[in-house]
Amino acid sequence: MDNFAQTDILLESGTNELEIMEFTMAGEVFGINVAKVREIMKFSPVKPMQNAHFAIEGIFKPREDVITVIDLAKYLGLGDSEYRERDIFMITEFNSQVIGFHVHSVVGIDRISWGDIKKPDTIIYGGSEGVATGIAEFEGRLITILDFEKIVAEISPQTGIQLSDLDRLGPRVRSDLPILIAEDSMLLSRMIIESLHKAGYMNTIKTDNGQEAYDFLEEAKNEGAIGTHVACVISDIEMPRMDGHHLTKLIKDDPVLRSLPVILFSSLINEEMKIKGREVGADAQISKPEIASLVELVDALTSPDRHLES
């Protein structure tokens, strides 16, 4: 069906906006960041996989790639579609993986502000670590934005952050440098913090989105000693209220804050998104779940003689 050239959907850097693809399952409306969508395809039969997770429908090979298909309605405990032959495969790419998601229909694409996306109530889809990362209201419709990274990590844990990856870094020295983290996923923020602590960075400050991180920085700036409060910022890109690109732009446009190193740690990092990150001034960009490489970047960017190309 439709192909999505990533360069066509990149919005102006730092505007705190995103484009959401609306899709439905069992009559409910959901959303995914268009930046994750490679193409949409008509439903086609797949080859089942033995001993696979219950939500893995199977594999298929539309062209040169073999793609795993996840039945998203089954994963969420929703009903089947009435006309299965009309269903849709959303082919996504994030965390350097290509995965198909079987959904019931695709409604269209909306351009909205991250400020209009609210953190869901903790009772929605599994509590504080559920799979609803945000709720957006658009033209009277409530759209549930799903945490696709968490869904994939739960189905295939080996694709997520692995603390054991830090072992290759060898012996570490304890550091009290304050590291500010902006990450809306409870699961991922916990994993990032555990990884930093294992790597010796014991002084971590956790915020749920770019707005909270920027408020913390403004408060630290007003106290007149930003360096004692934050040595490095690690930020996701996709977050309610304020995204990582807008946070980075605000930091780099501020004469007091601009010297702070900012690392964008996101499932969206690819060559096209790196262009956007460079435009807003990110010091480094790395794709999840490369946690050991993230620690190496923190090491380099917080060293006294740091110099690193993003």
Protein backbone atom coordinates (compact mmCIF):
# COMPACT_ATOMS: atom_id res chain seq x y z
CA MET A 1 0.00 0.00 0.00
CA ASP A 2 1.67 3.22 1.18
CA ASN A 3 5.38 3.79 1.73
CA PHE A 4 6.53 6.39 4.25
CA ALA A 5 9.76 8.13 3.32
CA GLN A 6 11.13 9.30 6.65
CA THR A 7 12.49 12.50 5.16
CA ASP A 8 8.96 13.44 4.09
CA ILE A 9 7.48 13.25 7.58
CA LEU A 10 10.15 15.06 9.57
CA LEU A 11 8.60 18.16 11.05
CA GLU A 12 10.47 21.40 11.61
CA SER A 13 13.04 20.78 14.31
CA GLY A 14 12.14 21.58 17.91
CA THR A 15 8.48 22.52 17.36
CA ASN A 16 7.24 20.00 19.96
CA GLU A 17 4.91 18.46 17.39
CA LEU A 18 4.50 14.99 15.95
CA GLU A 19 2.42 13.19 13.39
CA ILE A 20 0.30 10.31 14.65
CA MET A 21 -1.14 7.54 12.52
CA GLU A 22 -4.57 6.61 13.85
CA PHE A 23 -5.61 2.99 13.62
CA THR A 24 -8.39 0.88 15.10
CA MET A 25 -8.85 -2.48 16.75
CA ALA A 26 -12.20 -3.81 17.94
CA GLY A 27 -13.71 -0.35 17.52
CA GLU A 28 -11.12 1.40 19.71
CA VAL A 29 -8.83 4.14 18.38
CA PHE A 30 -5.06 3.93 18.88
CA GLY A 31 -2.06 5.86 17.61
CA ILE A 32 1.58 5.41 16.61
CA ASN A 33 4.21 8.01 15.80
CA VAL A 34 4.47 8.14 12.00
CA ALA A 35 8.25 8.26 12.37
CA LYS A 36 8.06 4.58 13.38
CA VAL A 37 6.02 3.50 10.33
CA ARG A 38 7.82 2.27 7.23
CA GLU A 39 4.71 1.31 5.26
CA ILE A 40 1.20 -0.09 5.54
CA MET A 41 0.17 -3.24 3.73
CA LYS A 42 -2.99 -5.24 3.20
CA PHE A 43 -3.46 -8.28 5.39
CA SER A 44 -1.99 -11.46 3.99
CA PRO A 45 -1.56 -14.98 5.40
CA VAL A 46 1.58 -15.58 7.46
CA LYS A 47 3.59 -18.64 8.39
CA PRO A 48 2.96 -19.57 12.05
CA MET A 49 5.97 -20.02 14.33
CA GLN A 50 6.14 -22.91 16.78
CA ASN A 51 6.66 -22.18 20.50
CA ALA A 52 6.33 -18.43 19.89
CA HIS A 53 4.73 -15.85 22.17
CA PHE A 54 0.93 -16.04 21.97
CA ALA A 55 0.73 -12.61 20.26
CA ILE A 56 3.16 -13.50 17.47
CA GLU A 57 0.98 -14.33 14.49
CA GLY A 58 3.86 -15.56 12.34
CA ILE A 59 6.28 -14.42 9.66
CA PHE A 60 5.95 -13.35 6.05
CA LYS A 61 8.26 -12.15 3.31
CA PRO A 62 6.70 -9.34 1.27
CA ARG A 63 9.97 -8.63 -0.54
CA GLU A 64 13.57 -9.26 0.53
CA ASP A 65 12.98 -9.12 4.30
CA VAL A 66 11.39 -11.76 6.51
CA ILE A 67 9.12 -9.84 8.89
CA THR A 68 7.63 -11.00 12.18
CA VAL A 69 3.96 -10.06 12.61
CA ILE A 70 2.45 -9.32 16.02
CA ASP A 71 -1.33 -9.56 16.41
CA LEU A 72 -1.78 -6.37 18.38
CA ALA A 73 -5.45 -6.96 19.23
CA LYS A 74 -4.62 -10.38 20.67
CA TYR A 75 -1.75 -8.88 22.70
CA LEU A 76 -4.12 -6.27 24.18
CA GLY A 77 -6.90 -8.80 24.81
CA LEU A 78 -9.24 -7.23 22.26
CA GLY A 79 -11.59 -9.03 19.89
CA ASP A 80 -10.93 -10.06 16.31
CA SER A 81 -12.01 -7.88 13.42
CA GLU A 82 -15.30 -8.61 11.70
CA TYR A 83 -13.76 -8.72 8.22
CA ARG A 84 -10.26 -10.11 8.62
CA GLU A 85 -9.51 -9.88 4.89
CA ARG A 86 -9.75 -6.08 5.21
CA ASP A 87 -7.22 -5.88 8.04
CA ILE A 88 -3.92 -4.02 7.80
CA PHE A 89 -0.27 -4.76 8.54
CA MET A 90 1.64 -1.71 9.84
CA ILE A 91 5.31 -2.31 9.02
CA THR A 92 7.34 -0.44 11.60
CA GLU A 93 11.02 0.28 12.16
CA PHE A 94 12.43 1.27 15.54
CA ASN A 95 15.26 0.08 17.79
CA SER A 96 16.91 -0.99 14.52
CA GLN A 97 14.22 -3.65 14.04
CA VAL A 98 11.54 -4.11 11.38
CA ILE A 99 8.30 -5.52 12.83
CA GLY A 100 4.78 -5.87 11.45
CA PHE A 101 1.73 -5.14 13.59
CA HIS A 102 -1.61 -6.63 12.58
CA VAL A 103 -4.36 -4.03 13.16
CA HIS A 104 -7.95 -3.76 11.92
CA SER A 105 -7.95 -0.47 10.02
CA VAL A 106 -5.91 2.69 9.49
CA VAL A 107 -7.87 5.94 9.87
CA GLY A 108 -5.38 8.63 8.87
CA ILE A 109 -2.58 10.89 10.04
CA ASP A 110 -2.94 13.77 12.51
CA ARG A 111 -0.44 16.49 13.37
CA ILE A 112 -0.62 17.36 17.05
CA SER A 113 1.46 18.96 19.79
CA TRP A 114 3.19 16.86 22.43
CA GLY A 115 1.65 19.34 24.85
CA ASP A 116 -1.78 17.91 23.98
CA ILE A 117 -0.74 14.36 24.90
CA LYS A 118 -1.43 13.46 28.50
CA LYS A 119 0.03 10.67 30.60
CA PRO A 120 -2.69 8.02 30.98
CA ASP A 121 -4.28 7.13 34.28
CA THR A 122 -2.38 4.33 35.98
CA ILE A 123 -5.33 1.93 35.66
CA ILE A 124 -5.17 1.99 31.84
CA TYR A 125 -3.57 -1.05 30.19
CA GLY A 126 -1.67 -2.45 33.12
CA GLY A 127 -0.95 0.33 35.59
CA SER A 128 2.07 2.62 35.79
CA GLU A 129 4.08 0.28 33.57
CA GLY A 130 1.29 -0.38 31.10
CA VAL A 131 1.43 -0.11 27.33
CA ALA A 132 -0.42 3.20 26.97
CA THR A 133 2.27 5.87 26.86
CA GLY A 134 -0.12 8.77 26.29
CA ILE A 135 -3.69 9.87 25.56
CA ALA A 136 -4.25 12.43 22.79
CA GLU A 137 -7.46 14.29 22.01
CA PHE A 138 -7.94 15.22 18.37
CA GLU A 139 -11.16 16.60 16.88
CA GLY A 140 -13.19 15.14 19.71
CA ARG A 141 -11.57 11.69 19.58
CA LEU A 142 -9.48 10.18 22.36
CA ILE A 143 -6.49 8.36 20.87
CA THR A 144 -4.46 5.90 22.96
CA ILE A 145 -0.78 6.17 22.05
CA LEU A 146 0.79 2.77 22.57
CA ASP A 147 4.28 2.06 23.89
CA PHE A 148 5.48 -0.17 21.05
CA GLU A 149 8.97 -0.53 22.52
CA LYS A 150 7.54 -2.00 25.72
CA ILE A 151 5.26 -4.34 23.75
CA VAL A 152 8.20 -5.71 21.76
CA ALA A 153 10.43 -5.94 24.85
CA GLU A 154 7.77 -7.95 26.67
CA ILE A 155 7.28 -10.32 23.74
CA SER A 156 11.02 -10.61 23.06
CA PRO A 157 12.97 -9.61 26.21
CA GLN A 158 16.36 -10.10 24.55
CA THR A 159 15.66 -7.08 22.33
CA GLY A 160 15.49 -4.69 25.29
CA ILE A 161 18.15 -3.12 27.49
CA GLN A 162 20.51 -5.77 28.85
CA LEU A 163 22.48 -4.91 31.99
CA SER A 164 24.97 -7.63 31.06
CA ASP A 165 26.08 -5.52 28.08
CA LEU A 166 27.88 -3.26 30.56
CA ASP A 167 30.31 -6.05 31.42
CA ARG A 168 32.34 -5.29 28.31
CA LEU A 169 33.25 -1.89 29.79
CA GLY A 170 35.38 -3.56 32.45
CA PRO A 171 35.99 -2.18 35.97
CA ARG A 172 34.25 1.10 36.70
CA VAL A 173 34.93 3.98 39.10
CA ARG A 174 32.14 5.51 41.17
CA SER A 175 31.04 8.97 40.03
CA ASP A 176 28.78 11.46 41.79
CA LEU A 177 28.26 13.59 38.69
CA PRO A 178 24.53 14.38 38.49
CA ILE A 179 22.88 12.85 35.39
CA LEU A 180 19.43 14.17 34.45
CA ILE A 181 17.15 11.65 32.68
CA ALA A 182 14.00 12.56 30.75
CA GLU A 183 12.08 9.36 29.93
CA ASP A 184 8.33 8.78 30.10
CA SER A 185 8.44 4.97 30.15
CA MET A 186 8.59 3.66 33.72
CA LEU A 187 10.20 0.45 32.53
CA LEU A 188 12.89 2.11 30.44
CA SER A 189 13.71 4.84 32.95
CA ARG A 190 14.19 2.17 35.61
CA MET A 191 16.46 0.18 33.30
CA ILE A 192 18.48 3.28 32.36
CA ILE A 193 18.95 4.23 36.02
CA GLU A 194 19.94 0.67 36.99
CA SER A 195 22.43 0.63 34.13
CA LEU A 196 23.97 3.97 35.09
CA HIS A 197 24.27 2.86 38.70
CA LYS A 198 25.96 -0.36 37.64
CA ALA A 199 28.34 1.75 35.55
CA GLY A 200 29.19 3.88 38.60
CA TYR A 201 26.98 6.92 37.99
CA MET A 202 25.13 6.94 41.30
CA ASN A 203 23.65 10.46 41.20
CA THR A 204 20.68 10.23 38.81
CA ILE A 205 17.69 12.58 38.57
CA LYS A 206 14.61 11.10 36.90
CA THR A 207 11.94 13.18 35.15
CA ASP A 208 8.92 11.91 33.20
CA ASN A 209 9.13 14.24 30.20
CA GLY A 210 10.95 17.16 28.64
CA GLN A 211 8.86 19.74 30.47
CA GLU A 212 9.75 18.32 33.88
CA ALA A 213 13.41 18.16 32.88
CA TYR A 214 13.41 21.76 31.66
CA ASP A 215 11.63 22.94 34.83
CA PHE A 216 14.38 21.24 36.87
CA LEU A 217 17.07 22.94 34.79
CA GLU A 218 15.40 26.35 35.13
CA GLU A 219 15.26 25.92 38.89
CA ALA A 220 18.92 24.89 38.98
CA LYS A 221 19.84 27.85 36.77
CA ASN A 222 18.03 30.26 39.08
CA GLU A 223 20.08 28.93 41.98
CA GLY A 224 23.17 30.03 40.06
CA ALA A 225 25.13 26.79 39.95
CA ILE A 226 23.91 24.63 37.09
CA GLY A 227 27.09 22.54 37.05
CA THR A 228 26.53 21.26 40.58
CA HIS A 229 22.97 20.18 39.71
CA VAL A 230 23.42 18.58 36.27
CA ALA A 231 26.50 17.32 34.41
CA CYS A 232 24.72 15.62 31.49
CA VAL A 233 21.20 15.22 30.13
CA ILE A 234 19.91 11.93 28.70
CA SER A 235 16.59 12.35 26.94
CA ASP A 236 14.11 10.22 25.06
CA ILE A 237 12.53 11.86 22.01
CA GLU A 238 8.89 10.74 22.31
CA MET A 239 7.38 12.15 25.52
CA PRO A 240 4.09 13.79 26.53
CA ARG A 241 4.05 17.53 27.22
CA MET A 242 7.51 18.19 25.72
CA ASP A 243 9.57 15.96 23.44
CA GLY A 244 13.32 15.50 23.49
CA HIS A 245 14.01 17.61 20.43
CA HIS A 246 12.21 20.61 21.89
CA LEU A 247 13.96 20.11 25.23
CA THR A 248 17.34 20.01 23.47
CA LYS A 249 16.54 23.17 21.51
CA LEU A 250 15.56 25.04 24.68
CA ILE A 251 18.79 23.95 26.38
CA LYS A 252 21.02 24.88 23.46
CA ASP A 253 19.27 28.23 22.91
CA ASP A 254 19.88 29.22 26.54
CA PRO A 255 23.21 31.03 27.15
CA VAL A 256 23.54 29.48 30.62
CA LEU A 257 22.41 25.93 29.81
CA ARG A 258 23.89 25.50 26.36
CA SER A 259 27.18 24.04 27.61
CA LEU A 260 25.32 21.07 29.12
CA PRO A 261 25.89 17.92 27.03
CA VAL A 262 22.64 16.39 25.77
CA ILE A 263 22.36 12.77 24.61
CA LEU A 264 19.24 11.70 22.72
CA PHE A 265 18.59 8.04 23.58
CA SER A 266 15.64 6.90 21.52
CA SER A 267 14.20 4.03 19.49
CA LEU A 268 13.71 6.54 16.65
CA ILE A 269 17.39 7.24 16.00
CA ASN A 270 18.26 6.67 12.36
CA GLU A 271 20.15 8.71 9.76
CA GLU A 272 17.17 10.95 8.99
CA MET A 273 16.36 11.60 12.66
CA LYS A 274 20.02 12.35 13.36
CA ILE A 275 19.67 15.32 11.01
CA LYS A 276 16.88 16.66 13.18
CA GLY A 277 18.88 16.03 16.35
CA ARG A 278 21.86 17.91 14.98
CA GLU A 279 19.63 20.83 14.00
CA VAL A 280 18.53 21.29 17.61
CA GLY A 281 22.09 20.89 18.92
CA ALA A 282 22.21 17.40 20.44
CA ASP A 283 25.76 16.47 21.44
CA ALA A 284 25.19 12.77 20.74
CA GLN A 285 22.41 10.47 19.54
CA ILE A 286 22.12 6.73 20.04
CA SER A 287 19.43 4.14 19.47
CA LYS A 288 17.91 2.08 22.24
CA PRO A 289 18.76 -0.42 23.59
CA GLU A 290 22.54 0.20 23.21
CA ILE A 291 23.10 0.82 26.92
CA ALA A 292 26.87 0.20 27.01
CA SER A 293 27.38 2.68 24.19
CA LEU A 294 25.21 5.17 26.09
CA VAL A 295 27.47 4.87 29.14
CA GLU A 296 30.53 5.38 26.94
CA LEU A 297 28.96 8.58 25.61
CA VAL A 298 28.30 9.81 29.15
CA ASP A 299 31.94 9.05 29.98
CA ALA A 300 33.18 11.02 26.98
CA LEU A 301 30.82 13.98 27.37
CA THR A 302 31.46 14.47 31.07
CA SER A 303 35.26 14.21 30.86
CA PRO A 304 37.09 17.53 31.38
CA ASP A 305 38.54 17.53 27.86
CA ARG A 306 35.41 16.28 26.11
CA HIS A 307 34.98 16.62 22.36
CA LEU A 308 32.50 14.44 20.51
CA GLU A 309 30.70 14.60 17.18
CA SER A 310 27.04 13.59 17.26
